[in-house]
Amino acid sequence: MSLVAVKRDLCDLCGTCVGVCPVDCMELTETELRIDAETCILCRFCIDICPIEALEMKDE
């Protein structure tokens, strides 16, 4: 099974990805970005729009 993973060392918590998620599966806090793998539809919009390539597709 695949999932979208956050490269925590790169993510600057800008929130760009959260705004494009069609199923609202991302939660941004002051310290981290969380992705609900159960809700995520693997559309890759977040990966494609991230300006610093801090998201990636991973196999579980």
PDB file of N, CA and C in Angstrom:
ATOM      1  N   MET A   1       0.838  -1.191   0.000  1.00  0.00           N
ATOM      2  CA  MET A   1       0.000   0.000   0.000  1.00  0.00           C
ATOM      3  C   MET A   1       0.880   1.251   0.000  1.00  0.00           C
ATOM      4  N   SER A   2       0.523   2.224  -0.801  1.00  0.00           N
ATOM      5  CA  SER A   2       1.266   3.486  -0.864  1.00  0.00           C
ATOM      6  C   SER A   2       0.656   4.521   0.061  1.00  0.00           C
ATOM      7  N   LEU A   3       1.468   5.506   0.403  1.00  0.00           N
ATOM      8  CA  LEU A   3       0.986   6.641   1.184  1.00  0.00           C
ATOM      9  C   LEU A   3       1.850   7.850   0.901  1.00  0.00           C
ATOM     10  N   VAL A   4       1.297   9.014   1.211  1.00  0.00           N
ATOM     11  CA  VAL A   4       2.046  10.259   1.074  1.00  0.00           C
ATOM     12  C   VAL A   4       2.786  10.488   2.388  1.00  0.00           C
ATOM     13  N   ALA A   5       4.087  10.689   2.289  1.00  0.00           N
ATOM     14  CA  ALA A   5       4.916  10.883   3.474  1.00  0.00           C
ATOM     15  C   ALA A   5       5.523  12.279   3.471  1.00  0.00           C
ATOM     16  N   VAL A   6       5.679  12.823   4.659  1.00  0.00           N
ATOM     17  CA  VAL A   6       6.273  14.147   4.843  1.00  0.00           C
ATOM     18  C   VAL A   6       7.760  13.980   5.153  1.00  0.00           C
ATOM     19  N   LYS A   7       8.599  14.677   4.406  1.00  0.00           N
ATOM     20  CA  LYS A   7      10.027  14.723   4.726  1.00  0.00           C
ATOM     21  C   LYS A   7      10.170  15.820   5.786  1.00  0.00           C
ATOM     22  N   ARG A   8      10.125  15.420   7.021  1.00  0.00           N
ATOM     23  CA  ARG A   8      10.068  16.373   8.137  1.00  0.00           C
ATOM     24  C   ARG A   8      11.265  17.314   8.193  1.00  0.00           C
ATOM     25  N   ASP A   9      12.402  16.872   7.713  1.00  0.00           N
ATOM     26  CA  ASP A   9      13.583  17.735   7.727  1.00  0.00           C
ATOM     27  C   ASP A   9      13.503  18.831   6.670  1.00  0.00           C
ATOM     28  N   LEU A  10      12.609  18.681   5.684  1.00  0.00           N
ATOM     29  CA  LEU A  10      12.450  19.692   4.642  1.00  0.00           C
ATOM     30  C   LEU A  10      11.211  20.570   4.824  1.00  0.00           C
ATOM     31  N   CYS A  11      10.142  19.998   5.345  1.00  0.00           N
ATOM     32  CA  CYS A  11       8.860  20.708   5.437  1.00  0.00           C
ATOM     33  C   CYS A  11       8.992  21.968   6.294  1.00  0.00           C
ATOM     34  N   ASP A  12       8.573  23.108   5.709  1.00  0.00           N
ATOM     35  CA  ASP A  12       8.628  24.369   6.461  1.00  0.00           C
ATOM     36  C   ASP A  12       7.248  24.812   6.943  1.00  0.00           C
ATOM     37  N   LEU A  13       6.278  23.909   6.872  1.00  0.00           N
ATOM     38  CA  LEU A  13       4.918  24.135   7.389  1.00  0.00           C
ATOM     39  C   LEU A  13       4.224  25.313   6.719  1.00  0.00           C
ATOM     40  N   CYS A  14       4.455  25.492   5.426  1.00  0.00           N
ATOM     41  CA  CYS A  14       3.859  26.621   4.714  1.00  0.00           C
ATOM     42  C   CYS A  14       2.355  26.440   4.485  1.00  0.00           C
ATOM     43  N   GLY A  15       1.889  25.182   4.407  1.00  0.00           N
ATOM     44  CA  GLY A  15       0.461  24.919   4.240  1.00  0.00           C
ATOM     45  C   GLY A  15      -0.043  24.910   2.812  1.00  0.00           C
ATOM     46  N   THR A  16       0.825  25.081   1.854  1.00  0.00           N
ATOM     47  CA  THR A  16       0.415  25.077   0.450  1.00  0.00           C
ATOM     48  C   THR A  16      -0.304  23.777   0.099  1.00  0.00           C
ATOM     49  N   CYS A  17       0.202  22.671   0.576  1.00  0.00           N
ATOM     50  CA  CYS A  17      -0.374  21.364   0.282  1.00  0.00           C
ATOM     51  C   CYS A  17      -1.774  21.205   0.867  1.00  0.00           C
ATOM     52  N   VAL A  18      -1.978  21.742   2.051  1.00  0.00           N
ATOM     53  CA  VAL A  18      -3.269  21.621   2.730  1.00  0.00           C
ATOM     54  C   VAL A  18      -4.378  22.251   1.894  1.00  0.00           C
ATOM     55  N   GLY A  19      -4.065  23.362   1.265  1.00  0.00           N
ATOM     56  CA  GLY A  19      -5.058  24.080   0.476  1.00  0.00           C
ATOM     57  C   GLY A  19      -5.529  23.372  -0.774  1.00  0.00           C
ATOM     58  N   VAL A  20      -4.735  22.427  -1.301  1.00  0.00           N
ATOM     59  CA  VAL A  20      -5.127  21.735  -2.533  1.00  0.00           C
ATOM     60  C   VAL A  20      -5.720  20.354  -2.291  1.00  0.00           C
ATOM     61  N   CYS A  21      -5.718  19.885  -1.086  1.00  0.00           N
ATOM     62  CA  CYS A  21      -6.214  18.537  -0.793  1.00  0.00           C
ATOM     63  C   CYS A  21      -7.732  18.462  -0.981  1.00  0.00           C
ATOM     64  N   PRO A  22      -8.200  17.634  -1.934  1.00  0.00           N
ATOM     65  CA  PRO A  22      -9.631  17.561  -2.200  1.00  0.00           C
ATOM     66  C   PRO A  22     -10.439  16.818  -1.137  1.00  0.00           C
ATOM     67  N   VAL A  23      -9.765  16.055  -0.272  1.00  0.00           N
ATOM     68  CA  VAL A  23     -10.488  15.293   0.749  1.00  0.00           C
ATOM     69  C   VAL A  23     -10.161  15.746   2.169  1.00  0.00           C
ATOM     70  N   ASP A  24      -9.446  16.852   2.290  1.00  0.00           N
ATOM     71  CA  ASP A  24      -9.165  17.443   3.604  1.00  0.00           C
ATOM     72  C   ASP A  24      -8.498  16.457   4.572  1.00  0.00           C
ATOM     73  N   CYS A  25      -7.495  15.735   4.110  1.00  0.00           N
ATOM     74  CA  CYS A  25      -6.876  14.720   4.966  1.00  0.00           C
ATOM     75  C   CYS A  25      -5.614  15.226   5.663  1.00  0.00           C
ATOM     76  N   MET A  26      -5.301  16.513   5.483  1.00  0.00           N
ATOM     77  CA  MET A  26      -4.075  17.051   6.068  1.00  0.00           C
ATOM     78  C   MET A  26      -4.395  18.002   7.212  1.00  0.00           C
ATOM     79  N   GLU A  27      -3.583  17.900   8.262  1.00  0.00           N
ATOM     80  CA  GLU A  27      -3.730  18.789   9.405  1.00  0.00           C
ATOM     81  C   GLU A  27      -2.385  19.452   9.665  1.00  0.00           C
ATOM     82  N   LEU A  28      -2.407  20.758   9.698  1.00  0.00           N
ATOM     83  CA  LEU A  28      -1.194  21.527   9.922  1.00  0.00           C
ATOM     84  C   LEU A  28      -1.248  22.146  11.312  1.00  0.00           C
ATOM     85  N   THR A  29      -0.213  21.864  12.098  1.00  0.00           N
ATOM     86  CA  THR A  29      -0.105  22.480  13.417  1.00  0.00           C
ATOM     87  C   THR A  29       1.120  23.401  13.399  1.00  0.00           C
ATOM     88  N   GLU A  30       1.424  24.000  14.500  1.00  0.00           N
ATOM     89  CA  GLU A  30       2.595  24.878  14.580  1.00  0.00           C
ATOM     90  C   GLU A  30       3.901  24.100  14.472  1.00  0.00           C
ATOM     91  N   THR A  31       3.846  22.796  14.720  1.00  0.00           N
ATOM     92  CA  THR A  31       5.078  22.012  14.750  1.00  0.00           C
ATOM     93  C   THR A  31       5.150  20.878  13.730  1.00  0.00           C
ATOM     94  N   GLU A  32       4.025  20.520  13.089  1.00  0.00           N
ATOM     95  CA  GLU A  32       4.080  19.410  12.141  1.00  0.00           C
ATOM     96  C   GLU A  32       2.895  19.385  11.181  1.00  0.00           C
ATOM     97  N   LEU A  33       3.095  18.654  10.100  1.00  0.00           N
ATOM     98  CA  LEU A  33       2.041  18.382   9.130  1.00  0.00           C
ATOM     99  C   LEU A  33       1.677  16.915   9.272  1.00  0.00           C
ATOM    100  N   ARG A  34       0.398  16.643   9.470  1.00  0.00           N
ATOM    101  CA  ARG A  34      -0.073  15.266   9.599  1.00  0.00           C
ATOM    102  C   ARG A  34      -0.967  14.927   8.416  1.00  0.00           C
ATOM    103  N   ILE A  35      -0.836  13.716   7.920  1.00  0.00           N
ATOM    104  CA  ILE A  35      -1.663  13.244   6.818  1.00  0.00           C
ATOM    105  C   ILE A  35      -2.408  11.996   7.284  1.00  0.00           C
ATOM    106  N   ASP A  36      -3.724  12.023   7.176  1.00  0.00           N
ATOM    107  CA  ASP A  36      -4.547  10.879   7.551  1.00  0.00           C
ATOM    108  C   ASP A  36      -4.560   9.898   6.380  1.00  0.00           C
ATOM    109  N   ALA A  37      -3.803   8.819   6.502  1.00  0.00           N
ATOM    110  CA  ALA A  37      -3.663   7.837   5.426  1.00  0.00           C
ATOM    111  C   ALA A  37      -4.983   7.158   5.092  1.00  0.00           C
ATOM    112  N   GLU A  38      -5.884   7.071   6.047  1.00  0.00           N
ATOM    113  CA  GLU A  38      -7.190   6.446   5.814  1.00  0.00           C
ATOM    114  C   GLU A  38      -8.053   7.288   4.872  1.00  0.00           C
ATOM    115  N   THR A  39      -7.928   8.602   4.964  1.00  0.00           N
ATOM    116  CA  THR A  39      -8.736   9.518   4.171  1.00  0.00           C
ATOM    117  C   THR A  39      -8.082   9.866   2.842  1.00  0.00           C
ATOM    118  N   CYS A  40      -6.762   9.855   2.795  1.00  0.00           N
ATOM    119  CA  CYS A  40      -6.011  10.249   1.602  1.00  0.00           C
ATOM    120  C   CYS A  40      -6.377   9.369   0.405  1.00  0.00           C
ATOM    121  N   ILE A  41      -6.608   9.994  -0.753  1.00  0.00           N
ATOM    122  CA  ILE A  41      -6.950   9.259  -1.977  1.00  0.00           C
ATOM    123  C   ILE A  41      -5.766   9.153  -2.944  1.00  0.00           C
ATOM    124  N   LEU A  42      -4.590   9.545  -2.488  1.00  0.00           N
ATOM    125  CA  LEU A  42      -3.355   9.442  -3.275  1.00  0.00           C
ATOM    126  C   LEU A  42      -3.442  10.170  -4.615  1.00  0.00           C
ATOM    127  N   CYS A  43      -4.056  11.334  -4.609  1.00  0.00           N
ATOM    128  CA  CYS A  43      -4.214  12.120  -5.837  1.00  0.00           C
ATOM    129  C   CYS A  43      -2.915  12.803  -6.257  1.00  0.00           C
ATOM    130  N   ARG A  44      -1.988  12.954  -5.337  1.00  0.00           N
ATOM    131  CA  ARG A  44      -0.665  13.559  -5.573  1.00  0.00           C
ATOM    132  C   ARG A  44      -0.692  15.083  -5.761  1.00  0.00           C
ATOM    133  N   PHE A  45      -1.828  15.720  -5.586  1.00  0.00           N
ATOM    134  CA  PHE A  45      -1.891  17.182  -5.723  1.00  0.00           C
ATOM    135  C   PHE A  45      -0.915  17.845  -4.760  1.00  0.00           C
ATOM    136  N   CYS A  46      -0.861  17.357  -3.526  1.00  0.00           N
ATOM    137  CA  CYS A  46       0.023  17.941  -2.515  1.00  0.00           C
ATOM    138  C   CYS A  46       1.484  17.784  -2.907  1.00  0.00           C
ATOM    139  N   ILE A  47       1.835  16.616  -3.429  1.00  0.00           N
ATOM    140  CA  ILE A  47       3.216  16.362  -3.848  1.00  0.00           C
ATOM    141  C   ILE A  47       3.597  17.298  -4.992  1.00  0.00           C
ATOM    142  N   ASP A  48       2.694  17.422  -5.955  1.00  0.00           N
ATOM    143  CA  ASP A  48       2.977  18.238  -7.137  1.00  0.00           C
ATOM    144  C   ASP A  48       3.093  19.725  -6.829  1.00  0.00           C
ATOM    145  N   ILE A  49       2.346  20.209  -5.827  1.00  0.00           N
ATOM    146  CA  ILE A  49       2.338  21.654  -5.557  1.00  0.00           C
ATOM    147  C   ILE A  49       3.380  22.090  -4.527  1.00  0.00           C
ATOM    148  N   CYS A  50       3.924  21.173  -3.770  1.00  0.00           N
ATOM    149  CA  CYS A  50       4.888  21.546  -2.719  1.00  0.00           C
ATOM    150  C   CYS A  50       6.092  22.264  -3.330  1.00  0.00           C
ATOM    151  N   PRO A  51       6.327  23.516  -2.928  1.00  0.00           N
ATOM    152  CA  PRO A  51       7.402  24.304  -3.527  1.00  0.00           C
ATOM    153  C   PRO A  51       8.812  23.834  -3.156  1.00  0.00           C
ATOM    154  N   ILE A  52       8.928  23.010  -2.110  1.00  0.00           N
ATOM    155  CA  ILE A  52      10.261  22.562  -1.694  1.00  0.00           C
ATOM    156  C   ILE A  52      10.403  21.035  -1.716  1.00  0.00           C
ATOM    157  N   GLU A  53       9.470  20.373  -2.366  1.00  0.00           N
ATOM    158  CA  GLU A  53       9.499  18.913  -2.524  1.00  0.00           C
ATOM    159  C   GLU A  53       9.639  18.174  -1.187  1.00  0.00           C
ATOM    160  N   ALA A  54       8.812  18.589  -0.222  1.00  0.00           N
ATOM    161  CA  ALA A  54       8.863  17.992   1.115  1.00  0.00           C
ATOM    162  C   ALA A  54       7.891  16.838   1.288  1.00  0.00           C
ATOM    163  N   LEU A  55       7.183  16.485   0.221  1.00  0.00           N
ATOM    164  CA  LEU A  55       6.255  15.352   0.278  1.00  0.00           C
ATOM    165  C   LEU A  55       6.671  14.338  -0.774  1.00  0.00           C
ATOM    166  N   GLU A  56       6.430  13.051  -0.449  1.00  0.00           N
ATOM    167  CA  GLU A  56       6.771  11.997  -1.390  1.00  0.00           C
ATOM    168  C   GLU A  56       5.827  10.822  -1.243  1.00  0.00           C
ATOM    169  N   MET A  57       5.728  10.024  -2.277  1.00  0.00           N
ATOM    170  CA  MET A  57       4.940   8.805  -2.246  1.00  0.00           C
ATOM    171  C   MET A  57       5.850   7.695  -1.723  1.00  0.00           C
ATOM    172  N   LYS A  58       5.348   6.944  -0.759  1.00  0.00           N
ATOM    173  CA  LYS A  58       6.127   5.844  -0.180  1.00  0.00           C
ATOM    174  C   LYS A  58       5.270   4.592  -0.153  1.00  0.00           C
ATOM    175  N   ASP A  59       5.926   3.449  -0.206  1.00  0.00           N
ATOM    176  CA  ASP A  59       5.249   2.172   0.004  1.00  0.00           C
ATOM    177  C   ASP A  59       5.331   1.836   1.481  1.00  0.00           C
ATOM    178  N   GLU A  60       4.213   1.387   2.008  1.00  0.00           N
ATOM    179  CA  GLU A  60       4.139   1.067   3.433  1.00  0.00           C
ATOM    180  C   GLU A  60       4.817  -0.244   3.734  1.00  0.00           C
TER     181      GLU A  60
END
